[in-house]
Amino acid sequence: MLEQNNEPKRKYEWLSKWVKMTGERARIDAKVNNTYIVYEKDGMLVKEFPNGDIVPLNKNGDS
């Protein structure tokens, strides 16, 4: 039996892979340099530290 893939096909499938690899690289660089990365999660900006802590940013950009 053939398995069906329920994920929608993208016009540029390579883009999803590239975005994922870019995020992984940012995490590696943050860990090496003991800094953090900032990204959007659930509609709000958060800081993710190398130890795994995730802190939401307030409107001023401070934690």
C-alpha atoms as a PDB file:
ATOM      1  CA  MET A   1       0.000   0.000   0.000  1.00  0.00           C
ATOM      2  CA  LEU A   2       1.165   3.510  -0.773  1.00  0.00           C
ATOM      3  CA  GLU A   3       1.401   6.035   2.015  1.00  0.00           C
ATOM      4  CA  GLN A   4      -0.205   9.392   1.424  1.00  0.00           C
ATOM      5  CA  ASN A   5       1.560  12.558   2.413  1.00  0.00           C
ATOM      6  CA  ASN A   6      -1.009  15.022   3.754  1.00  0.00           C
ATOM      7  CA  GLU A   7       1.381  17.977   3.738  1.00  0.00           C
ATOM      8  CA  PRO A   8       0.571  20.523   1.048  1.00  0.00           C
ATOM      9  CA  LYS A   9       3.052  20.783  -1.793  1.00  0.00           C
ATOM     10  CA  ARG A  10       4.897  24.080  -1.986  1.00  0.00           C
ATOM     11  CA  LYS A  11       5.986  25.717  -5.169  1.00  0.00           C
ATOM     12  CA  TYR A  12       9.458  26.073  -3.681  1.00  0.00           C
ATOM     13  CA  GLU A  13       9.877  22.992  -1.476  1.00  0.00           C
ATOM     14  CA  TRP A  14      13.544  23.784  -0.859  1.00  0.00           C
ATOM     15  CA  LEU A  15      12.497  26.922   1.020  1.00  0.00           C
ATOM     16  CA  SER A  16      11.153  25.018   4.044  1.00  0.00           C
ATOM     17  CA  LYS A  17      14.389  23.075   4.354  1.00  0.00           C
ATOM     18  CA  TRP A  18      16.480  26.238   3.991  1.00  0.00           C
ATOM     19  CA  VAL A  19      14.491  28.086   6.680  1.00  0.00           C
ATOM     20  CA  LYS A  20      14.852  25.149   9.094  1.00  0.00           C
ATOM     21  CA  MET A  21      18.602  24.938   8.475  1.00  0.00           C
ATOM     22  CA  THR A  22      18.970  28.699   9.020  1.00  0.00           C
ATOM     23  CA  GLY A  23      17.229  28.455  12.402  1.00  0.00           C
ATOM     24  CA  GLU A  24      19.417  25.531  13.436  1.00  0.00           C
ATOM     25  CA  ARG A  25      22.516  27.477  12.445  1.00  0.00           C
ATOM     26  CA  ALA A  26      21.360  30.488  14.490  1.00  0.00           C
ATOM     27  CA  ARG A  27      20.974  28.244  17.560  1.00  0.00           C
ATOM     28  CA  ILE A  28      24.481  26.833  17.058  1.00  0.00           C
ATOM     29  CA  ASP A  29      25.989  30.321  16.685  1.00  0.00           C
ATOM     30  CA  ALA A  30      24.138  31.544  19.787  1.00  0.00           C
ATOM     31  CA  LYS A  31      25.459  28.632  21.798  1.00  0.00           C
ATOM     32  CA  VAL A  32      29.050  29.154  20.643  1.00  0.00           C
ATOM     33  CA  ASN A  33      28.914  32.906  21.338  1.00  0.00           C
ATOM     34  CA  ASN A  34      26.815  32.584  24.531  1.00  0.00           C
ATOM     35  CA  THR A  35      24.096  34.865  23.171  1.00  0.00           C
ATOM     36  CA  TYR A  36      20.426  34.371  22.347  1.00  0.00           C
ATOM     37  CA  ILE A  37      18.205  34.263  19.277  1.00  0.00           C
ATOM     38  CA  VAL A  38      14.964  36.181  18.814  1.00  0.00           C
ATOM     39  CA  TYR A  39      12.001  34.806  16.897  1.00  0.00           C
ATOM     40  CA  GLU A  40       8.210  34.887  16.824  1.00  0.00           C
ATOM     41  CA  LYS A  41       6.316  32.223  18.727  1.00  0.00           C
ATOM     42  CA  ASP A  42       2.539  32.205  19.149  1.00  0.00           C
ATOM     43  CA  GLY A  43       2.300  35.763  17.821  1.00  0.00           C
ATOM     44  CA  MET A  44       4.863  37.310  20.148  1.00  0.00           C
ATOM     45  CA  LEU A  45       8.626  37.828  20.064  1.00  0.00           C
ATOM     46  CA  VAL A  46      10.706  35.639  22.362  1.00  0.00           C
ATOM     47  CA  LYS A  47      14.387  35.255  23.259  1.00  0.00           C
ATOM     48  CA  GLU A  48      15.790  31.726  23.349  1.00  0.00           C
ATOM     49  CA  PHE A  49      18.991  31.276  25.331  1.00  0.00           C
ATOM     50  CA  PRO A  50      21.565  28.497  24.774  1.00  0.00           C
ATOM     51  CA  ASN A  51      20.438  26.731  27.967  1.00  0.00           C
ATOM     52  CA  GLY A  52      16.923  26.354  26.507  1.00  0.00           C
ATOM     53  CA  ASP A  53      15.222  29.144  28.474  1.00  0.00           C
ATOM     54  CA  ILE A  54      12.619  31.033  26.440  1.00  0.00           C
ATOM     55  CA  VAL A  55      11.725  34.541  27.635  1.00  0.00           C
ATOM     56  CA  PRO A  56       9.019  36.698  26.043  1.00  0.00           C
ATOM     57  CA  LEU A  57       9.979  40.222  24.982  1.00  0.00           C
ATOM     58  CA  ASN A  58       7.810  43.120  26.101  1.00  0.00           C
ATOM     59  CA  LYS A  59       6.874  46.019  23.851  1.00  0.00           C
ATOM     60  CA  ASN A  60      10.067  47.931  24.697  1.00  0.00           C
ATOM     61  CA  GLY A  61      12.226  45.041  23.505  1.00  0.00           C
ATOM     62  CA  ASP A  62      13.352  44.197  27.044  1.00  0.00           C
ATOM     63  CA  SER A  63      12.863  40.866  28.752  1.00  0.00           C
END
